[in-house]
Amino acid sequence: MISIIFCLFFSFLLGSIPFGIVFSRLFGMKDPRKVGSGNIGATNVLRSSGNKSIAVLTLIADIAKGSIVVLIGTQIQNRYNLFFTPELLCGLAAILGHIFSPFVKFRGGKGVATALGVFFSLTPYLSLLSLGIFVLIAVTSRIVSISSLLAVITFPISAYFLNYSLNLIFLSIIIAFLIFFRHKENIVRLINGAENKF
């Protein structure tokens, strides 16, 4: 039980690190919270810095947060063979940390990249399907938000029809809800035809 509690705490803490701000400051760029959408994710870091390398670093770090905690949770599961799945709980904790980061007054990123890291470590093939949807929509629409939303919807639907575990389906639905919640402003702009393109 102590291992689970520690893993959840560590996952939330790791997920809370706002790498978009960290890298922007490290390289002397503008605070992404003061530019564009105000988000701390890779897309807005690119807008605020104009530097693709910093944006890519942010993307990789945010994905890695989700992957690392799932791998740790998997090790706990393999050791103790618990009836519940700590890797799922740790993944959710990391995403919650990213979205509600205490380091930025509980208004962090939108969780898409960290969710990709979580899901890719849990089930890479299903994640590649969602990633493919993201890339396809992004290339055709040039709108990151709609690409992210459609990709995050694709995951639980695909998981259901491909007979993945109910725990994974339930987790992906919760994560989809959280990501939609964080995209509420984007959704309004999409409805009004005013969403930013890249």
N, C-alpha and C. Protein backbone atom coordinates (compact mmCIF):
# COMPACT_ATOMS: atom_id res chain seq x y z
N MET A 1 0.83 -1.21 0.00
CA MET A 1 0.00 0.00 0.00
C MET A 1 0.86 1.26 0.00
N ILE A 2 1.96 1.26 0.77
CA ILE A 2 2.86 2.41 0.82
C ILE A 2 3.45 2.67 -0.57
N SER A 3 3.78 1.59 -1.28
CA SER A 3 4.34 1.74 -2.63
C SER A 3 3.34 2.41 -3.56
N ILE A 4 2.06 2.04 -3.44
CA ILE A 4 1.03 2.62 -4.28
C ILE A 4 0.87 4.11 -3.98
N ILE A 5 0.80 4.44 -2.69
CA ILE A 5 0.64 5.85 -2.29
C ILE A 5 1.81 6.69 -2.78
N PHE A 6 3.01 6.16 -2.60
CA PHE A 6 4.20 6.88 -3.06
C PHE A 6 4.18 7.05 -4.57
N CYS A 7 3.79 6.01 -5.30
CA CYS A 7 3.75 6.06 -6.75
C CYS A 7 2.73 7.11 -7.22
N LEU A 8 1.58 7.15 -6.57
CA LEU A 8 0.56 8.14 -6.94
C LEU A 8 1.05 9.55 -6.67
N PHE A 9 1.69 9.75 -5.53
CA PHE A 9 2.22 11.07 -5.18
C PHE A 9 3.31 11.48 -6.17
N PHE A 10 4.22 10.55 -6.45
CA PHE A 10 5.30 10.83 -7.40
C PHE A 10 4.73 11.13 -8.78
N SER A 11 3.73 10.36 -9.19
CA SER A 11 3.13 10.54 -10.52
C SER A 11 2.50 11.93 -10.64
N PHE A 12 1.76 12.32 -9.62
CA PHE A 12 1.14 13.64 -9.64
C PHE A 12 2.20 14.74 -9.67
N LEU A 13 3.24 14.56 -8.85
CA LEU A 13 4.30 15.56 -8.78
C LEU A 13 5.05 15.67 -10.11
N LEU A 14 5.39 14.53 -10.70
CA LEU A 14 6.09 14.55 -11.98
C LEU A 14 5.20 15.16 -13.06
N GLY A 15 3.95 14.77 -13.05
CA GLY A 15 3.01 15.33 -14.03
C GLY A 15 2.84 16.82 -13.88
N SER A 16 3.05 17.34 -12.68
CA SER A 16 2.85 18.76 -12.40
C SER A 16 3.95 19.66 -12.95
N ILE A 17 5.10 19.09 -13.27
CA ILE A 17 6.22 19.93 -13.74
C ILE A 17 5.85 20.59 -15.06
N PRO A 18 5.78 21.91 -15.11
CA PRO A 18 5.39 22.62 -16.34
C PRO A 18 6.59 22.80 -17.28
N PHE A 19 6.91 21.76 -18.02
CA PHE A 19 8.12 21.80 -18.85
C PHE A 19 8.08 22.91 -19.89
N GLY A 20 6.89 23.29 -20.35
CA GLY A 20 6.80 24.38 -21.31
C GLY A 20 7.37 25.67 -20.75
N ILE A 21 7.08 25.94 -19.47
CA ILE A 21 7.61 27.13 -18.81
C ILE A 21 9.08 26.94 -18.49
N VAL A 22 9.44 25.76 -18.01
CA VAL A 22 10.83 25.47 -17.65
C VAL A 22 11.76 25.69 -18.84
N PHE A 23 11.43 25.10 -19.99
CA PHE A 23 12.29 25.23 -21.16
C PHE A 23 12.28 26.65 -21.72
N SER A 24 11.12 27.30 -21.67
CA SER A 24 11.05 28.68 -22.16
C SER A 24 11.96 29.60 -21.35
N ARG A 25 11.94 29.43 -20.04
CA ARG A 25 12.81 30.25 -19.19
C ARG A 25 14.27 29.87 -19.37
N LEU A 26 14.51 28.58 -19.49
CA LEU A 26 15.89 28.10 -19.62
C LEU A 26 16.57 28.69 -20.86
N PHE A 27 15.79 28.84 -21.94
CA PHE A 27 16.35 29.36 -23.18
C PHE A 27 16.04 30.84 -23.40
N GLY A 28 15.56 31.51 -22.35
CA GLY A 28 15.35 32.95 -22.42
C GLY A 28 14.21 33.39 -23.31
N MET A 29 13.18 32.55 -23.42
CA MET A 29 12.03 32.88 -24.27
C MET A 29 10.87 33.43 -23.44
N LYS A 30 9.84 33.89 -24.12
CA LYS A 30 8.67 34.44 -23.45
C LYS A 30 7.92 33.35 -22.67
N ASP A 31 7.25 33.78 -21.62
CA ASP A 31 6.39 32.88 -20.85
C ASP A 31 5.20 32.51 -21.73
N PRO A 32 5.00 31.22 -22.03
CA PRO A 32 3.89 30.83 -22.92
C PRO A 32 2.52 31.18 -22.37
N ARG A 33 2.43 31.40 -21.06
CA ARG A 33 1.14 31.77 -20.47
C ARG A 33 0.69 33.17 -20.88
N LYS A 34 1.62 33.95 -21.41
CA LYS A 34 1.32 35.34 -21.77
C LYS A 34 1.19 35.54 -23.28
N VAL A 35 1.14 34.44 -24.01
CA VAL A 35 1.08 34.50 -25.48
C VAL A 35 0.01 33.55 -25.99
N GLY A 36 -0.67 33.92 -27.05
CA GLY A 36 -1.63 33.03 -27.69
C GLY A 36 -2.73 32.56 -26.76
N SER A 37 -2.88 31.24 -26.67
CA SER A 37 -3.92 30.65 -25.84
C SER A 37 -3.59 30.69 -24.35
N GLY A 38 -2.32 30.97 -24.02
CA GLY A 38 -1.90 30.96 -22.62
C GLY A 38 -1.60 29.58 -22.09
N ASN A 39 -1.69 28.58 -22.97
CA ASN A 39 -1.42 27.20 -22.55
C ASN A 39 0.09 26.96 -22.46
N ILE A 40 0.48 25.99 -21.62
CA ILE A 40 1.90 25.71 -21.43
C ILE A 40 2.38 24.51 -22.23
N GLY A 41 1.54 24.01 -23.14
CA GLY A 41 1.91 22.86 -23.95
C GLY A 41 2.77 23.24 -25.14
N ALA A 42 3.18 22.23 -25.91
CA ALA A 42 4.13 22.42 -27.00
C ALA A 42 3.63 23.37 -28.07
N THR A 43 2.34 23.30 -28.41
CA THR A 43 1.81 24.15 -29.47
C THR A 43 1.96 25.63 -29.13
N ASN A 44 1.57 25.99 -27.91
CA ASN A 44 1.66 27.40 -27.54
C ASN A 44 3.10 27.82 -27.24
N VAL A 45 3.93 26.86 -26.80
CA VAL A 45 5.35 27.16 -26.63
C VAL A 45 5.96 27.53 -27.98
N LEU A 46 5.53 26.86 -29.03
CA LEU A 46 6.00 27.19 -30.37
C LEU A 46 5.57 28.61 -30.75
N ARG A 47 4.32 28.95 -30.42
CA ARG A 47 3.85 30.30 -30.71
C ARG A 47 4.64 31.36 -29.93
N SER A 48 4.88 31.07 -28.66
CA SER A 48 5.52 32.08 -27.80
C SER A 48 7.01 32.22 -28.06
N SER A 49 7.65 31.13 -28.43
CA SER A 49 9.11 31.17 -28.62
C SER A 49 9.52 31.27 -30.08
N GLY A 50 8.66 30.75 -30.96
CA GLY A 50 9.02 30.67 -32.37
C GLY A 50 10.15 29.69 -32.63
N ASN A 51 10.40 28.84 -31.63
CA ASN A 51 11.53 27.92 -31.71
C ASN A 51 11.01 26.48 -31.69
N LYS A 52 11.17 25.77 -32.81
CA LYS A 52 10.66 24.41 -32.91
C LYS A 52 11.37 23.46 -31.94
N SER A 53 12.64 23.69 -31.69
CA SER A 53 13.40 22.80 -30.80
C SER A 53 12.83 22.84 -29.38
N ILE A 54 12.50 24.03 -28.90
CA ILE A 54 11.93 24.15 -27.55
C ILE A 54 10.56 23.50 -27.50
N ALA A 55 9.78 23.68 -28.55
CA ALA A 55 8.45 23.06 -28.60
C ALA A 55 8.56 21.53 -28.60
N VAL A 56 9.52 21.01 -29.36
CA VAL A 56 9.72 19.55 -29.42
C VAL A 56 10.19 19.02 -28.07
N LEU A 57 11.09 19.73 -27.42
CA LEU A 57 11.54 19.35 -26.08
C LEU A 57 10.38 19.29 -25.11
N THR A 58 9.51 20.29 -25.18
CA THR A 58 8.33 20.32 -24.32
C THR A 58 7.43 19.13 -24.59
N LEU A 59 7.21 18.85 -25.87
CA LEU A 59 6.36 17.72 -26.24
C LEU A 59 6.94 16.40 -25.73
N ILE A 60 8.22 16.20 -25.94
CA ILE A 60 8.87 14.95 -25.50
C ILE A 60 8.80 14.81 -23.99
N ALA A 61 9.07 15.89 -23.27
CA ALA A 61 9.05 15.84 -21.80
C ALA A 61 7.66 15.55 -21.28
N ASP A 62 6.64 16.17 -21.89
CA ASP A 62 5.26 15.94 -21.43
C ASP A 62 4.81 14.52 -21.72
N ILE A 63 5.23 13.97 -22.86
CA ILE A 63 4.92 12.57 -23.17
C ILE A 63 5.64 11.64 -22.20
N ALA A 64 6.90 11.95 -21.94
CA ALA A 64 7.71 11.10 -21.05
C ALA A 64 7.13 11.02 -19.65
N LYS A 65 6.55 12.12 -19.17
CA LYS A 65 5.94 12.09 -17.84
C LYS A 65 4.91 10.97 -17.73
N GLY A 66 4.05 10.86 -18.75
CA GLY A 66 3.02 9.82 -18.72
C GLY A 66 3.60 8.43 -18.84
N SER A 67 4.61 8.27 -19.69
CA SER A 67 5.20 6.95 -19.90
C SER A 67 5.93 6.44 -18.66
N ILE A 68 6.70 7.32 -18.03
CA ILE A 68 7.51 6.93 -16.87
C ILE A 68 6.65 6.40 -15.74
N VAL A 69 5.57 7.11 -15.43
CA VAL A 69 4.76 6.69 -14.27
C VAL A 69 4.03 5.38 -14.55
N VAL A 70 3.64 5.15 -15.80
CA VAL A 70 3.00 3.88 -16.14
C VAL A 70 3.99 2.74 -15.97
N LEU A 71 5.22 2.94 -16.40
CA LEU A 71 6.24 1.90 -16.25
C LEU A 71 6.50 1.59 -14.78
N ILE A 72 6.51 2.62 -13.94
CA ILE A 72 6.69 2.40 -12.50
C ILE A 72 5.51 1.64 -11.93
N GLY A 73 4.30 2.06 -12.31
CA GLY A 73 3.10 1.37 -11.84
C GLY A 73 3.06 -0.08 -12.28
N THR A 74 3.55 -0.34 -13.49
CA THR A 74 3.59 -1.71 -14.00
C THR A 74 4.53 -2.58 -13.17
N GLN A 75 5.66 -2.02 -12.75
CA GLN A 75 6.60 -2.75 -11.90
C GLN A 75 5.96 -3.11 -10.57
N ILE A 76 5.19 -2.20 -10.01
CA ILE A 76 4.49 -2.49 -8.75
C ILE A 76 3.47 -3.60 -8.95
N GLN A 77 2.74 -3.53 -10.06
CA GLN A 77 1.75 -4.56 -10.35
C GLN A 77 2.42 -5.93 -10.53
N ASN A 78 3.53 -5.96 -11.23
CA ASN A 78 4.24 -7.22 -11.46
C ASN A 78 4.78 -7.81 -10.15
N ARG A 79 5.11 -6.94 -9.23
CA ARG A 79 5.69 -7.41 -7.96
C ARG A 79 4.62 -7.91 -7.00
N TYR A 80 3.50 -7.19 -6.93
CA TYR A 80 2.50 -7.51 -5.91
C TYR A 80 1.25 -8.19 -6.47
N ASN A 81 1.07 -8.17 -7.80
CA ASN A 81 -0.07 -8.81 -8.43
C ASN A 81 -1.39 -8.36 -7.78
N LEU A 82 -1.63 -7.09 -7.77
CA LEU A 82 -2.80 -6.50 -7.12
C LEU A 82 -4.06 -6.72 -7.96
N PHE A 83 -5.20 -6.65 -7.29
CA PHE A 83 -6.46 -6.86 -8.01
C PHE A 83 -6.85 -5.63 -8.82
N PHE A 84 -6.29 -4.48 -8.48
CA PHE A 84 -6.48 -3.29 -9.30
C PHE A 84 -5.17 -2.97 -10.01
N THR A 85 -5.19 -2.02 -10.90
CA THR A 85 -4.02 -1.78 -11.76
C THR A 85 -3.38 -0.44 -11.43
N PRO A 86 -2.29 -0.44 -10.67
CA PRO A 86 -1.64 0.81 -10.29
C PRO A 86 -1.10 1.61 -11.47
N GLU A 87 -0.77 0.92 -12.58
CA GLU A 87 -0.27 1.66 -13.73
C GLU A 87 -1.33 2.61 -14.29
N LEU A 88 -2.60 2.19 -14.24
CA LEU A 88 -3.68 3.06 -14.69
C LEU A 88 -3.86 4.24 -13.74
N LEU A 89 -3.82 3.96 -12.44
CA LEU A 89 -3.99 5.01 -11.44
C LEU A 89 -2.84 6.01 -11.49
N CYS A 90 -1.62 5.51 -11.67
CA CYS A 90 -0.46 6.41 -11.75
C CYS A 90 -0.53 7.26 -13.01
N GLY A 91 -0.98 6.67 -14.10
CA GLY A 91 -1.14 7.43 -15.33
C GLY A 91 -2.16 8.55 -15.17
N LEU A 92 -3.28 8.23 -14.53
CA LEU A 92 -4.30 9.25 -14.28
C LEU A 92 -3.77 10.34 -13.36
N ALA A 93 -3.00 9.96 -12.35
CA ALA A 93 -2.42 10.93 -11.42
C ALA A 93 -1.49 11.90 -12.15
N ALA A 94 -0.70 11.39 -13.09
CA ALA A 94 0.22 12.24 -13.86
C ALA A 94 -0.56 13.24 -14.72
N ILE A 95 -1.63 12.78 -15.33
CA ILE A 95 -2.45 13.68 -16.16
C ILE A 95 -3.12 14.74 -15.31
N LEU A 96 -3.63 14.33 -14.15
CA LEU A 96 -4.24 15.30 -13.23
C LEU A 96 -3.20 16.32 -12.78
N GLY A 97 -1.98 15.85 -12.52
CA GLY A 97 -0.91 16.77 -12.13
C GLY A 97 -0.60 17.76 -13.23
N HIS A 98 -0.58 17.29 -14.47
CA HIS A 98 -0.29 18.16 -15.60
C HIS A 98 -1.39 19.21 -15.78
N ILE A 99 -2.63 18.79 -15.65
CA ILE A 99 -3.76 19.71 -15.86
C ILE A 99 -3.94 20.67 -14.69
N PHE A 100 -3.78 20.15 -13.48
CA PHE A 100 -3.99 20.96 -12.28
C PHE A 100 -2.68 21.12 -11.51
N SER A 101 -1.67 21.62 -12.20
CA SER A 101 -0.35 21.73 -11.60
C SER A 101 -0.31 22.77 -10.48
N PRO A 102 0.11 22.38 -9.27
CA PRO A 102 0.24 23.35 -8.18
C PRO A 102 1.34 24.37 -8.43
N PHE A 103 2.25 24.07 -9.36
CA PHE A 103 3.34 24.99 -9.67
C PHE A 103 2.88 26.20 -10.48
N VAL A 104 1.71 26.10 -11.09
CA VAL A 104 1.17 27.22 -11.88
C VAL A 104 -0.27 27.52 -11.45
N LYS A 105 -0.46 27.52 -10.13
CA LYS A 105 -1.75 27.88 -9.53
C LYS A 105 -2.89 26.97 -10.01
N PHE A 106 -2.57 25.69 -10.20
CA PHE A 106 -3.53 24.65 -10.56
C PHE A 106 -4.18 24.87 -11.92
N ARG A 107 -3.50 25.63 -12.77
CA ARG A 107 -3.97 25.79 -14.15
C ARG A 107 -2.82 25.41 -15.08
N GLY A 108 -2.70 24.13 -15.33
CA GLY A 108 -1.60 23.63 -16.13
C GLY A 108 -1.96 23.47 -17.59
N GLY A 109 -1.43 22.42 -18.19
CA GLY A 109 -1.67 22.17 -19.60
C GLY A 109 -2.98 21.46 -19.85
N LYS A 110 -3.16 21.00 -21.07
CA LYS A 110 -4.43 20.39 -21.46
C LYS A 110 -4.38 18.87 -21.43
N GLY A 111 -3.22 18.30 -21.18
CA GLY A 111 -3.13 16.88 -20.88
C GLY A 111 -2.98 15.95 -22.06
N VAL A 112 -2.98 16.47 -23.28
CA VAL A 112 -2.97 15.59 -24.45
C VAL A 112 -1.66 14.83 -24.58
N ALA A 113 -0.54 15.54 -24.49
CA ALA A 113 0.76 14.88 -24.65
C ALA A 113 1.03 13.88 -23.53
N THR A 114 0.69 14.27 -22.29
CA THR A 114 0.90 13.35 -21.17
C THR A 114 0.00 12.13 -21.30
N ALA A 115 -1.23 12.34 -21.77
CA ALA A 115 -2.15 11.21 -22.00
C ALA A 115 -1.59 10.28 -23.07
N LEU A 116 -0.96 10.86 -24.10
CA LEU A 116 -0.34 10.02 -25.14
C LEU A 116 0.74 9.15 -24.53
N GLY A 117 1.55 9.72 -23.64
CA GLY A 117 2.59 8.95 -22.97
C GLY A 117 2.01 7.82 -22.14
N VAL A 118 0.93 8.11 -21.44
CA VAL A 118 0.26 7.10 -20.61
C VAL A 118 -0.26 5.97 -21.49
N PHE A 119 -1.03 6.32 -22.51
CA PHE A 119 -1.66 5.31 -23.35
C PHE A 119 -0.66 4.52 -24.18
N PHE A 120 0.40 5.20 -24.61
CA PHE A 120 1.39 4.49 -25.44
C PHE A 120 2.10 3.42 -24.62
N SER A 121 2.34 3.71 -23.34
CA SER A 121 2.98 2.71 -22.48
C SER A 121 2.03 1.57 -22.13
N LEU A 122 0.73 1.88 -22.09
CA LEU A 122 -0.26 0.86 -21.76
C LEU A 122 -0.58 -0.03 -22.96
N THR A 123 -0.80 0.59 -24.11
CA THR A 123 -1.15 -0.15 -25.30
C THR A 123 -0.71 0.61 -26.54
N PRO A 124 0.51 0.36 -27.01
CA PRO A 124 1.07 1.14 -28.12
C PRO A 124 0.28 1.05 -29.41
N TYR A 125 -0.28 -0.12 -29.74
CA TYR A 125 -0.98 -0.25 -31.02
C TYR A 125 -2.23 0.61 -31.06
N LEU A 126 -2.99 0.60 -29.98
CA LEU A 126 -4.20 1.41 -29.92
C LEU A 126 -3.83 2.90 -29.91
N SER A 127 -2.74 3.22 -29.27
CA SER A 127 -2.29 4.62 -29.23
C SER A 127 -1.87 5.10 -30.60
N LEU A 128 -1.23 4.23 -31.37
CA LEU A 128 -0.84 4.60 -32.73
C LEU A 128 -2.05 4.90 -33.60
N LEU A 129 -3.15 4.19 -33.34
CA LEU A 129 -4.39 4.46 -34.08
C LEU A 129 -4.89 5.87 -33.78
N SER A 130 -4.93 6.22 -32.50
CA SER A 130 -5.36 7.57 -32.11
C SER A 130 -4.40 8.62 -32.62
N LEU A 131 -3.11 8.31 -32.57
CA LEU A 131 -2.10 9.24 -33.07
C LEU A 131 -2.27 9.46 -34.57
N GLY A 132 -2.61 8.39 -35.28
CA GLY A 132 -2.85 8.50 -36.72
C GLY A 132 -4.03 9.42 -37.01
N ILE A 133 -5.09 9.30 -36.20
CA ILE A 133 -6.25 10.19 -36.35
C ILE A 133 -5.82 11.64 -36.11
N PHE A 134 -5.00 11.84 -35.08
CA PHE A 134 -4.52 13.19 -34.77
C PHE A 134 -3.76 13.78 -35.95
N VAL A 135 -2.82 13.01 -36.48
CA VAL A 135 -1.99 13.51 -37.58
C VAL A 135 -2.84 13.80 -38.81
N LEU A 136 -3.77 12.89 -39.13
CA LEU A 136 -4.62 13.06 -40.31
C LEU A 136 -5.45 14.34 -40.22
N ILE A 137 -6.09 14.55 -39.06
CA ILE A 137 -6.93 15.74 -38.88
C ILE A 137 -6.09 16.99 -38.81
N ALA A 138 -4.92 16.90 -38.16
CA ALA A 138 -4.04 18.06 -38.04
C ALA A 138 -3.55 18.51 -39.42
N VAL A 139 -3.18 17.56 -40.26
CA VAL A 139 -2.68 17.90 -41.59
C VAL A 139 -3.77 18.52 -42.45
N THR A 140 -4.98 17.99 -42.34
CA THR A 140 -6.07 18.47 -43.20
C THR A 140 -6.70 19.76 -42.68
N SER A 141 -6.80 19.91 -41.36
CA SER A 141 -7.47 21.08 -40.80
C SER A 141 -6.51 22.16 -40.31
N ARG A 142 -5.30 21.74 -39.96
CA ARG A 142 -4.28 22.63 -39.38
C ARG A 142 -4.76 23.24 -38.06
N ILE A 143 -5.62 22.50 -37.36
CA ILE A 143 -6.12 22.95 -36.06
C ILE A 143 -5.80 21.87 -35.03
N VAL A 144 -4.92 22.18 -34.09
CA VAL A 144 -4.46 21.19 -33.12
C VAL A 144 -5.57 20.75 -32.18
N SER A 145 -6.41 21.69 -31.77
CA SER A 145 -7.44 21.36 -30.77
C SER A 145 -8.42 20.32 -31.29
N ILE A 146 -8.94 20.49 -32.50
CA ILE A 146 -9.91 19.52 -33.03
C ILE A 146 -9.23 18.17 -33.27
N SER A 147 -7.96 18.21 -33.65
CA SER A 147 -7.21 16.97 -33.84
C SER A 147 -7.07 16.23 -32.52
N SER A 148 -6.77 16.97 -31.46
CA SER A 148 -6.61 16.37 -30.13
C SER A 148 -7.92 15.78 -29.64
N LEU A 149 -9.01 16.51 -29.81
CA LEU A 149 -10.31 16.06 -29.32
C LEU A 149 -10.79 14.81 -30.05
N LEU A 150 -10.62 14.79 -31.35
CA LEU A 150 -11.03 13.60 -32.11
C LEU A 150 -10.15 12.40 -31.78
N ALA A 151 -8.87 12.64 -31.55
CA ALA A 151 -7.97 11.54 -31.19
C ALA A 151 -8.33 10.96 -29.84
N VAL A 152 -8.67 11.83 -28.89
CA VAL A 152 -8.97 11.35 -27.54
C VAL A 152 -10.32 10.63 -27.49
N ILE A 153 -11.21 10.97 -28.42
CA ILE A 153 -12.49 10.24 -28.53
C ILE A 153 -12.25 8.87 -29.16
N THR A 154 -11.35 8.83 -30.11
CA THR A 154 -11.06 7.58 -30.83
C THR A 154 -10.59 6.48 -29.89
N PHE A 155 -9.81 6.86 -28.88
CA PHE A 155 -9.19 5.84 -28.03
C PHE A 155 -10.21 4.97 -27.29
N PRO A 156 -11.14 5.52 -26.49
CA PRO A 156 -12.08 4.64 -25.77
C PRO A 156 -13.03 3.88 -26.69
N ILE A 157 -13.40 4.51 -27.81
CA ILE A 157 -14.28 3.82 -28.76
C ILE A 157 -13.55 2.61 -29.35
N SER A 158 -12.32 2.82 -29.76
CA SER A 158 -11.53 1.71 -30.32
C SER A 158 -11.27 0.64 -29.28
N ALA A 159 -10.97 1.08 -28.05
CA ALA A 159 -10.71 0.12 -26.97
C ALA A 159 -11.94 -0.76 -26.72
N TYR A 160 -13.11 -0.16 -26.80
CA TYR A 160 -14.35 -0.92 -26.58
C TYR A 160 -14.57 -1.96 -27.68
N PHE A 161 -14.48 -1.55 -28.92
CA PHE A 161 -14.77 -2.45 -30.04
C PHE A 161 -13.67 -3.50 -30.23
N LEU A 162 -12.48 -3.22 -29.74
CA LEU A 162 -11.39 -4.20 -29.85
C LEU A 162 -11.24 -5.03 -28.58
N ASN A 163 -12.23 -4.93 -27.70
CA ASN A 163 -12.33 -5.78 -26.49
C ASN A 163 -11.16 -5.63 -25.52
N TYR A 164 -10.73 -4.38 -25.33
CA TYR A 164 -9.74 -4.12 -24.29
C TYR A 164 -10.41 -4.15 -22.92
N SER A 165 -9.62 -4.13 -21.86
CA SER A 165 -10.16 -4.28 -20.51
C SER A 165 -11.09 -3.11 -20.16
N LEU A 166 -12.07 -3.41 -19.32
CA LEU A 166 -13.00 -2.37 -18.88
C LEU A 166 -12.28 -1.28 -18.10
N ASN A 167 -11.23 -1.68 -17.36
CA ASN A 167 -10.46 -0.68 -16.61
C ASN A 167 -9.83 0.34 -17.56
N LEU A 168 -9.26 -0.13 -18.65
CA LEU A 168 -8.63 0.76 -19.61
C LEU A 168 -9.68 1.65 -20.28
N ILE A 169 -10.81 1.07 -20.63
CA ILE A 169 -11.88 1.85 -21.26
C ILE A 169 -12.38 2.93 -20.31
N PHE A 170 -12.60 2.54 -19.06
CA PHE A 170 -13.09 3.50 -18.07
C PHE A 170 -12.08 4.62 -17.86
N LEU A 171 -10.80 4.26 -17.76
CA LEU A 171 -9.76 5.27 -17.59
C LEU A 171 -9.73 6.22 -18.78
N SER A 172 -9.82 5.69 -19.99
CA SER A 172 -9.74 6.53 -21.19
C SER A 172 -10.94 7.47 -21.28
N ILE A 173 -12.09 7.04 -20.78
CA ILE A 173 -13.27 7.91 -20.77
C ILE A 173 -13.06 9.07 -19.79
N ILE A 174 -12.52 8.76 -18.62
CA ILE A 174 -12.23 9.81 -17.63
C ILE A 174 -11.23 10.82 -18.20
N ILE A 175 -10.19 10.32 -18.84
CA ILE A 175 -9.17 11.20 -19.41
C ILE A 175 -9.76 12.04 -20.54
N ALA A 176 -10.61 11.42 -21.36
CA ALA A 176 -11.26 12.17 -22.44
C ALA A 176 -12.10 13.31 -21.86
N PHE A 177 -12.81 13.02 -20.78
CA PHE A 177 -13.63 14.06 -20.13
C PHE A 177 -12.75 15.20 -19.64
N LEU A 178 -11.62 14.87 -19.00
CA LEU A 178 -10.71 15.89 -18.49
C LEU A 178 -10.15 16.75 -19.63
N ILE A 179 -9.77 16.11 -20.72
CA ILE A 179 -9.19 16.85 -21.84
C ILE A 179 -10.24 17.73 -22.51
N PHE A 180 -11.46 17.23 -22.63
CA PHE A 180 -12.54 18.07 -23.17
C PHE A 180 -12.80 19.27 -22.26
N PHE A 181 -12.76 19.03 -20.95
CA PHE A 181 -12.96 20.12 -19.99
C PHE A 181 -11.90 21.20 -20.18
N ARG A 182 -10.65 20.79 -20.36
CA ARG A 182 -9.57 21.76 -20.53
C ARG A 182 -9.61 22.45 -21.90
N HIS A 183 -10.35 21.87 -22.83
CA HIS A 183 -10.47 22.47 -24.16
C HIS A 183 -11.77 23.25 -24.33
N LYS A 184 -12.44 23.56 -23.24
CA LYS A 184 -13.76 24.21 -23.36
C LYS A 184 -13.68 25.54 -24.11
N GLU A 185 -12.60 26.29 -23.88
CA GLU A 185 -12.45 27.56 -24.59
C GLU A 185 -12.18 27.33 -26.08
N ASN A 186 -11.40 26.30 -26.37
CA ASN A 186 -11.14 25.94 -27.77
C ASN A 186 -12.42 25.52 -28.47
N ILE A 187 -13.26 24.77 -27.75
CA ILE A 187 -14.52 24.30 -28.33
C ILE A 187 -15.41 25.49 -28.69
N VAL A 188 -15.46 26.49 -27.82
CA VAL A 188 -16.24 27.70 -28.12
C VAL A 188 -15.70 28.38 -29.38
N ARG A 189 -14.37 28.49 -29.46
CA ARG A 189 -13.77 29.12 -30.65
C ARG A 189 -14.01 28.29 -31.91
N LEU A 190 -14.00 26.95 -31.77
CA LEU A 190 -14.29 26.09 -32.92
C LEU A 190 -15.72 26.31 -33.41
N ILE A 191 -16.64 26.41 -32.48
CA ILE A 191 -18.05 26.64 -32.84
C ILE A 191 -18.21 27.98 -33.54
N ASN A 192 -17.44 28.98 -33.07
CA ASN A 192 -17.53 30.32 -33.64
C ASN A 192 -16.63 30.51 -34.88
N GLY A 193 -15.90 29.46 -35.23
CA GLY A 193 -15.01 29.54 -36.39
C GLY A 193 -13.81 30.45 -36.18
N ALA A 194 -13.41 30.58 -34.91
CA ALA A 194 -12.33 31.51 -34.59
C ALA A 194 -11.11 30.81 -34.01
N GLU A 195 -11.05 29.49 -34.12
CA GLU A 195 -9.92 28.77 -33.53
C GLU A 195 -8.65 29.00 -34.34
N ASN A 196 -7.51 29.09 -33.61
CA ASN A 196 -6.23 29.33 -34.26
C ASN A 196 -5.76 28.11 -35.05
N LYS A 197 -5.11 28.39 -36.18
CA LYS A 197 -4.47 27.33 -36.97
C LYS A 197 -2.96 27.45 -36.80
N PHE A 198 -2.26 26.37 -37.14
CA PHE A 198 -0.79 26.44 -37.04
C PHE A 198 -0.18 26.58 -38.42
